[in-house]
Amino acid sequence: MAAAAISSQTRAYVFGLAAVLCWSTVATAFKLSLAHLSPAQLLLGAALVSWAVLGGYLLLNGRWRQIAHSSRREWGGSFLLGALNPALYYLVLFQAYDLLPAQEAQAINYTWALTMSLLAVPLLGHRLRLGEGLAALVCYGGVLVIATRGQPWALEFGSLSGVLLALLSTLLWALYWIFNTRDSRDPVVALFLNFSCGVPMIALYCLATGELHTINWAGLPGAAYVGVFEMGLTFVLWLHAMKYTRSTARISNLIFISPFLSLLFISLFLGEPILPSTLAGLALIMAGLIGQQWSQKVAK
């Protein structure tokens, strides 16, 4: 029995670390792909690949019947959720990456968990604790340090539009997960249905804006990589990690490795010099997120 428990937890760590490793590479993949594609083109290519990956996974696991038996209400929910993810969230996120250095965009993006806890106050009726409020101040102080490149008092931003888009992406992602709390479907089935609704929206947007006429085919391998390792396979790996673990907190804490690994890949493959302000700001963001977790644990 003990051996089985150890084996199960080991598998959880393997799946969790594999997911974290994949997520750590995507900021680099975003920037490399955006050198050849517009944000909308990257989104369309990645979303199509992810839709195919998720569909293939469901087919291989014999869960395709759940798609066929989905009700109108479930399709209606997926229409709304698909508008958030993949359509709006990734379009805004890729536009932020297009305007900001990868190190800044990826660091700001990690504040989504805090954004979610703040949104849960008006949307789910949660109470904002003092510790969470202080954690928010620390986190967004880190964002300010990163956005101003170490000169928060001067309030001079490298790209204010990019920073605002990155913050908007955290809002959209947090909203998506809050609305997901009311969704009792199999998570992979639900995500596949969301993508089934979201992909046509993205295609229509690209068609309406003329994005389909000027595609640089050199960017498609990057879009495929993003579709597999950001939107599709990694989600499944993370679900498996959460399924096998005996401690959700242990697996969830693995995510704190990701931003620092991501900076390593950004430095190695993009050649971006990692600014001291990015490291300082990211340290504040991580401290804020840890403080938020501690505050929630104490409250329980």
Protein backbone atom coordinates (compact mmCIF):
# COMPACT_ATOMS: atom_id res chain seq x y z
CA MET A 1 0.00 0.00 0.00
CA ALA A 2 2.82 2.41 0.91
CA ALA A 3 4.64 1.50 -2.29
CA ALA A 4 1.50 2.22 -4.30
CA ALA A 5 1.11 5.59 -2.56
CA ILE A 6 4.72 6.50 -3.29
CA SER A 7 4.29 5.43 -6.91
CA SER A 8 1.15 7.54 -7.23
CA GLN A 9 2.81 10.64 -5.75
CA THR A 10 5.89 10.09 -7.93
CA ARG A 11 3.70 10.00 -11.01
CA ALA A 12 2.04 13.21 -9.83
CA TYR A 13 5.44 14.92 -9.61
CA VAL A 14 6.45 13.61 -13.05
CA PHE A 15 3.27 14.92 -14.68
CA GLY A 16 3.44 18.18 -12.72
CA LEU A 17 7.09 18.87 -13.56
CA ALA A 18 6.46 18.01 -17.22
CA ALA A 19 3.62 20.55 -17.30
CA VAL A 20 5.74 23.21 -15.58
CA LEU A 21 8.61 22.59 -18.01
CA CYS A 22 6.25 23.01 -20.97
CA TRP A 23 4.74 26.21 -19.59
CA SER A 24 8.23 27.57 -18.95
CA THR A 25 9.06 27.43 -22.66
CA VAL A 26 5.99 29.13 -24.06
CA ALA A 27 6.99 32.76 -23.43
CA THR A 28 10.01 32.13 -25.66
CA ALA A 29 7.82 30.35 -28.21
CA PHE A 30 5.38 33.30 -28.24
CA LYS A 31 8.11 35.81 -29.11
CA LEU A 32 9.77 33.59 -31.72
CA SER A 33 6.41 32.99 -33.40
CA LEU A 34 5.36 36.65 -33.25
CA ALA A 35 8.45 37.52 -35.28
CA HIS A 36 6.66 35.83 -38.22
CA LEU A 37 2.94 36.03 -37.37
CA SER A 38 0.53 38.63 -36.05
CA PRO A 39 -1.10 37.92 -32.67
CA ALA A 40 -4.36 36.87 -34.38
CA GLN A 41 -2.57 34.56 -36.83
CA LEU A 42 -0.60 32.93 -34.03
CA LEU A 43 -3.81 32.46 -32.07
CA LEU A 44 -5.66 30.86 -34.98
CA GLY A 45 -2.86 28.41 -35.76
CA ALA A 46 -2.27 27.48 -32.11
CA ALA A 47 -5.96 27.11 -31.31
CA LEU A 48 -6.54 24.82 -34.30
CA VAL A 49 -3.65 22.57 -33.24
CA SER A 50 -4.82 22.54 -29.64
CA TRP A 51 -8.39 21.68 -30.72
CA ALA A 52 -7.01 18.72 -32.71
CA VAL A 53 -4.80 17.56 -29.81
CA LEU A 54 -7.67 17.68 -27.31
CA GLY A 55 -10.01 15.92 -29.75
CA GLY A 56 -7.44 13.20 -30.41
CA TYR A 57 -6.93 12.69 -26.67
CA LEU A 58 -10.68 12.28 -26.11
CA LEU A 59 -10.98 9.91 -29.06
CA LEU A 60 -8.11 7.70 -27.84
CA ASN A 61 -9.58 7.59 -24.33
CA GLY A 62 -13.06 6.60 -25.50
CA ARG A 63 -14.69 9.79 -24.25
CA TRP A 64 -16.01 11.01 -27.60
CA ARG A 65 -19.56 10.02 -26.67
CA GLN A 66 -19.59 12.76 -24.07
CA ILE A 67 -19.16 15.27 -26.90
CA ALA A 68 -22.03 13.75 -28.90
CA HIS A 69 -24.34 13.79 -25.87
CA SER A 70 -23.62 17.40 -24.88
CA SER A 71 -26.81 19.39 -24.31
CA ARG A 72 -27.75 22.74 -25.81
CA ARG A 73 -27.13 24.31 -22.43
CA GLU A 74 -23.61 22.88 -22.34
CA TRP A 75 -22.91 24.15 -25.86
CA GLY A 76 -24.27 27.55 -24.82
CA GLY A 77 -21.91 27.63 -21.85
CA SER A 78 -19.02 26.63 -24.08
CA PHE A 79 -19.89 29.42 -26.49
CA LEU A 80 -19.45 31.99 -23.71
CA LEU A 81 -16.38 30.32 -22.20
CA GLY A 82 -14.83 29.82 -25.66
CA ALA A 83 -15.19 33.55 -26.27
CA LEU A 84 -13.02 34.06 -23.18
CA ASN A 85 -10.61 31.16 -23.78
CA PRO A 86 -9.14 30.75 -26.33
CA ALA A 87 -10.52 33.78 -28.21
CA LEU A 88 -10.23 36.94 -26.10
CA TYR A 89 -7.63 35.84 -23.56
CA TYR A 90 -4.98 34.70 -26.00
CA LEU A 91 -5.61 37.52 -28.46
CA VAL A 92 -4.97 40.06 -25.69
CA LEU A 93 -2.03 38.07 -24.28
CA PHE A 94 -0.30 37.75 -27.66
CA GLN A 95 -0.79 41.46 -28.30
CA ALA A 96 0.89 42.15 -24.94
CA TYR A 97 3.82 39.90 -25.91
CA ASP A 98 4.03 41.70 -29.24
CA LEU A 99 4.56 45.01 -27.43
CA LEU A 100 6.65 43.96 -24.41
CA PRO A 101 9.90 42.07 -23.89
CA ALA A 102 9.10 38.44 -23.08
CA GLN A 103 10.54 38.74 -19.56
CA GLU A 104 8.12 41.54 -18.68
CA ALA A 105 5.00 40.00 -20.21
CA GLN A 106 5.52 36.59 -18.63
CA ALA A 107 6.21 38.03 -15.18
CA ILE A 108 3.06 40.19 -15.21
CA ASN A 109 1.01 37.23 -16.44
CA TYR A 110 1.75 35.35 -13.22
CA THR A 111 -0.44 37.77 -11.25
CA TRP A 112 -3.60 36.11 -12.63
CA ALA A 113 -4.01 33.96 -9.50
CA LEU A 114 -4.16 37.08 -7.36
CA THR A 115 -6.55 38.73 -9.84
CA MET A 116 -8.81 35.70 -9.48
CA SER A 117 -8.91 35.96 -5.69
CA LEU A 118 -9.79 39.67 -5.95
CA LEU A 119 -12.54 39.02 -8.51
CA ALA A 120 -13.96 36.25 -6.31
CA VAL A 121 -14.98 38.95 -3.82
CA PRO A 122 -17.68 40.61 -5.99
CA LEU A 123 -18.45 37.58 -8.21
CA LEU A 124 -18.50 34.69 -5.72
CA GLY A 125 -19.16 36.58 -2.49
CA HIS A 126 -15.77 35.75 -0.97
CA ARG A 127 -14.40 37.96 1.77
CA LEU A 128 -11.15 39.82 1.14
CA ARG A 129 -8.83 39.16 4.06
CA LEU A 130 -6.20 41.61 5.26
CA GLY A 131 -3.40 39.22 4.25
CA GLU A 132 -4.78 38.94 0.71
CA GLY A 133 -5.02 42.71 0.45
CA LEU A 134 -1.39 43.09 1.50
CA ALA A 135 -0.39 40.32 -0.92
CA ALA A 136 -2.12 42.24 -3.71
CA LEU A 137 -0.15 45.38 -2.89
CA VAL A 138 3.12 43.42 -2.96
CA CYS A 139 2.22 41.71 -6.25
CA TYR A 140 1.19 44.84 -8.07
CA GLY A 141 4.19 46.65 -6.62
CA GLY A 142 6.25 44.01 -8.43
CA VAL A 143 4.33 44.71 -11.64
CA LEU A 144 5.13 48.41 -11.28
CA VAL A 145 8.84 47.69 -10.78
CA ILE A 146 8.90 45.52 -13.91
CA ALA A 147 6.80 47.88 -16.04
CA THR A 148 8.92 50.92 -15.20
CA ARG A 149 12.16 48.91 -15.45
CA GLY A 150 13.24 49.71 -11.94
CA GLN A 151 12.00 53.30 -11.72
CA PRO A 152 8.55 53.03 -10.11
CA TRP A 153 8.57 56.59 -8.76
CA ALA A 154 9.19 58.07 -12.20
CA LEU A 155 6.18 56.20 -13.67
CA GLU A 156 7.90 56.00 -17.06
CA PHE A 157 6.77 52.86 -18.86
CA GLY A 158 8.56 51.09 -21.69
CA SER A 159 5.13 50.30 -23.18
CA LEU A 160 2.11 51.33 -21.15
CA SER A 161 -0.21 49.73 -23.74
CA GLY A 162 1.66 46.44 -23.41
CA VAL A 163 1.47 46.51 -19.61
CA LEU A 164 -2.26 47.28 -19.66
CA LEU A 165 -2.88 44.47 -22.14
CA ALA A 166 -0.86 42.04 -19.98
CA LEU A 167 -2.94 43.04 -16.93
CA LEU A 168 -6.15 42.73 -18.97
CA SER A 169 -5.12 39.20 -19.93
CA THR A 170 -4.88 38.26 -16.24
CA LEU A 171 -8.39 39.63 -15.75
CA LEU A 172 -9.77 37.56 -18.65
CA TRP A 173 -7.98 34.40 -17.48
CA ALA A 174 -9.22 34.87 -13.92
CA LEU A 175 -12.79 35.38 -15.17
CA TYR A 176 -12.54 32.21 -17.22
CA TRP A 177 -11.55 30.11 -14.21
CA ILE A 178 -14.15 31.72 -11.94
CA PHE A 179 -16.91 30.89 -14.43
CA ASN A 180 -15.41 27.39 -14.70
CA THR A 181 -16.13 26.77 -11.03
CA ARG A 182 -19.79 26.33 -12.01
CA ASP A 183 -18.96 23.81 -14.74
CA SER A 184 -19.38 20.20 -13.59
CA ARG A 185 -18.36 18.59 -16.90
CA ASP A 186 -15.24 16.52 -17.52
CA PRO A 187 -12.56 19.27 -17.74
CA VAL A 188 -10.99 18.02 -21.00
CA VAL A 189 -14.41 17.58 -22.63
CA ALA A 190 -15.39 21.08 -21.51
CA LEU A 191 -12.14 22.56 -22.83
CA PHE A 192 -12.58 20.80 -26.18
CA LEU A 193 -16.12 22.19 -26.50
CA ASN A 194 -14.84 25.66 -25.55
CA PHE A 195 -12.24 25.44 -28.31
CA SER A 196 -14.85 24.09 -30.73
CA CYS A 197 -16.78 27.33 -30.19
CA GLY A 198 -13.75 29.62 -29.88
CA VAL A 199 -11.86 28.55 -33.02
CA PRO A 200 -14.62 29.70 -35.44
CA MET A 201 -14.74 33.06 -33.63
CA ILE A 202 -11.00 33.47 -34.09
CA ALA A 203 -11.23 32.44 -37.76
CA LEU A 204 -14.02 34.96 -38.38
CA TYR A 205 -11.97 37.69 -36.70
CA CYS A 206 -8.95 36.86 -38.87
CA LEU A 207 -11.14 36.83 -41.98
CA ALA A 208 -12.76 40.16 -41.13
CA THR A 209 -9.40 41.85 -40.44
CA GLY A 210 -7.63 40.45 -43.51
CA GLU A 211 -5.20 38.42 -41.42
CA LEU A 212 -5.60 35.31 -43.60
CA HIS A 213 -4.12 36.94 -46.70
CA THR A 214 -0.63 37.60 -45.35
CA ILE A 215 0.37 34.49 -43.41
CA ASN A 216 4.11 33.88 -43.10
CA TRP A 217 4.43 30.11 -43.21
CA ALA A 218 7.71 30.26 -41.27
CA GLY A 219 5.69 31.01 -38.15
CA LEU A 220 3.46 27.93 -38.34
CA PRO A 221 5.82 25.52 -36.52
CA GLY A 222 5.87 27.96 -33.61
CA ALA A 223 2.07 28.18 -33.67
CA ALA A 224 1.89 24.37 -33.59
CA TYR A 225 4.28 24.29 -30.62
CA VAL A 226 2.15 26.83 -28.74
CA GLY A 227 -1.00 24.86 -29.55
CA VAL A 228 0.46 21.64 -28.13
CA PHE A 229 2.49 22.86 -25.17
CA GLU A 230 0.56 25.93 -24.01
CA MET A 231 -3.08 25.21 -24.79
CA GLY A 232 -3.47 21.45 -25.25
CA LEU A 233 -1.19 18.70 -23.95
CA THR A 234 0.06 20.63 -20.94
CA PHE A 235 -3.48 21.06 -19.60
CA VAL A 236 -3.91 17.27 -19.73
CA LEU A 237 -0.54 16.71 -17.99
CA TRP A 238 -1.54 19.06 -15.19
CA LEU A 239 -4.89 17.32 -14.73
CA HIS A 240 -3.07 13.99 -14.42
CA ALA A 241 -0.73 15.49 -11.81
CA MET A 242 -3.70 16.68 -9.76
CA LYS A 243 -5.39 13.28 -10.16
CA TYR A 244 -2.44 11.25 -8.81
CA THR A 245 -1.24 13.56 -6.05
CA ARG A 246 -1.98 13.03 -2.37
CA SER A 247 -1.37 16.76 -1.74
CA THR A 248 -2.76 19.37 -4.12
CA ALA A 249 -0.64 22.05 -2.41
CA ARG A 250 2.61 20.21 -3.18
CA ILE A 251 1.81 20.00 -6.88
CA SER A 252 0.42 23.54 -7.05
CA ASN A 253 3.65 24.88 -5.54
CA LEU A 254 5.60 23.49 -8.52
CA ILE A 255 4.23 26.39 -10.55
CA PHE A 256 6.57 28.76 -8.69
CA ILE A 257 9.49 27.15 -10.55
CA SER A 258 8.04 28.15 -13.91
CA PRO A 259 8.75 31.92 -14.08
CA PHE A 260 12.42 31.47 -13.23
CA LEU A 261 12.86 28.63 -15.72
CA SER A 262 11.07 30.82 -18.25
CA LEU A 263 13.58 33.63 -17.71
CA LEU A 264 16.40 31.16 -18.33
CA PHE A 265 14.88 30.10 -21.68
CA ILE A 266 14.21 33.74 -22.62
CA SER A 267 17.83 34.61 -21.98
CA LEU A 268 19.21 31.55 -23.81
CA PHE A 269 16.97 31.49 -26.87
CA LEU A 270 15.83 35.08 -27.31
CA GLY A 271 19.03 36.73 -26.16
CA GLU A 272 17.15 39.15 -23.91
CA PRO A 273 19.40 40.43 -21.13
CA ILE A 274 17.45 39.78 -17.93
CA LEU A 275 17.11 43.12 -16.17
CA PRO A 276 17.63 43.40 -12.40
CA SER A 277 14.25 45.15 -12.27
CA THR A 278 12.60 42.05 -13.76
CA LEU A 279 14.16 39.81 -11.11
CA ALA A 280 13.21 42.22 -8.33
CA GLY A 281 9.67 42.64 -9.61
CA LEU A 282 9.22 38.90 -10.12
CA ALA A 283 10.48 38.25 -6.59
CA LEU A 284 7.81 40.65 -5.29
CA ILE A 285 5.12 38.94 -7.38
CA MET A 286 6.13 35.50 -6.11
CA ALA A 287 6.26 36.80 -2.53
CA GLY A 288 2.76 38.22 -2.96
CA LEU A 289 1.42 34.93 -4.32
CA ILE A 290 3.03 32.95 -1.48
CA GLY A 291 1.57 35.45 0.97
CA GLN A 292 -1.85 34.98 -0.60
CA GLN A 293 -1.61 31.19 -0.21
CA TRP A 294 -0.47 31.55 3.41
CA SER A 295 -3.36 33.91 4.18
CA GLN A 296 -5.89 31.47 2.72
CA LYS A 297 -4.33 28.53 4.62
CA VAL A 298 -4.43 30.42 7.94
CA ALA A 299 -8.07 31.37 7.35
CA LYS A 300 -9.02 27.70 6.98
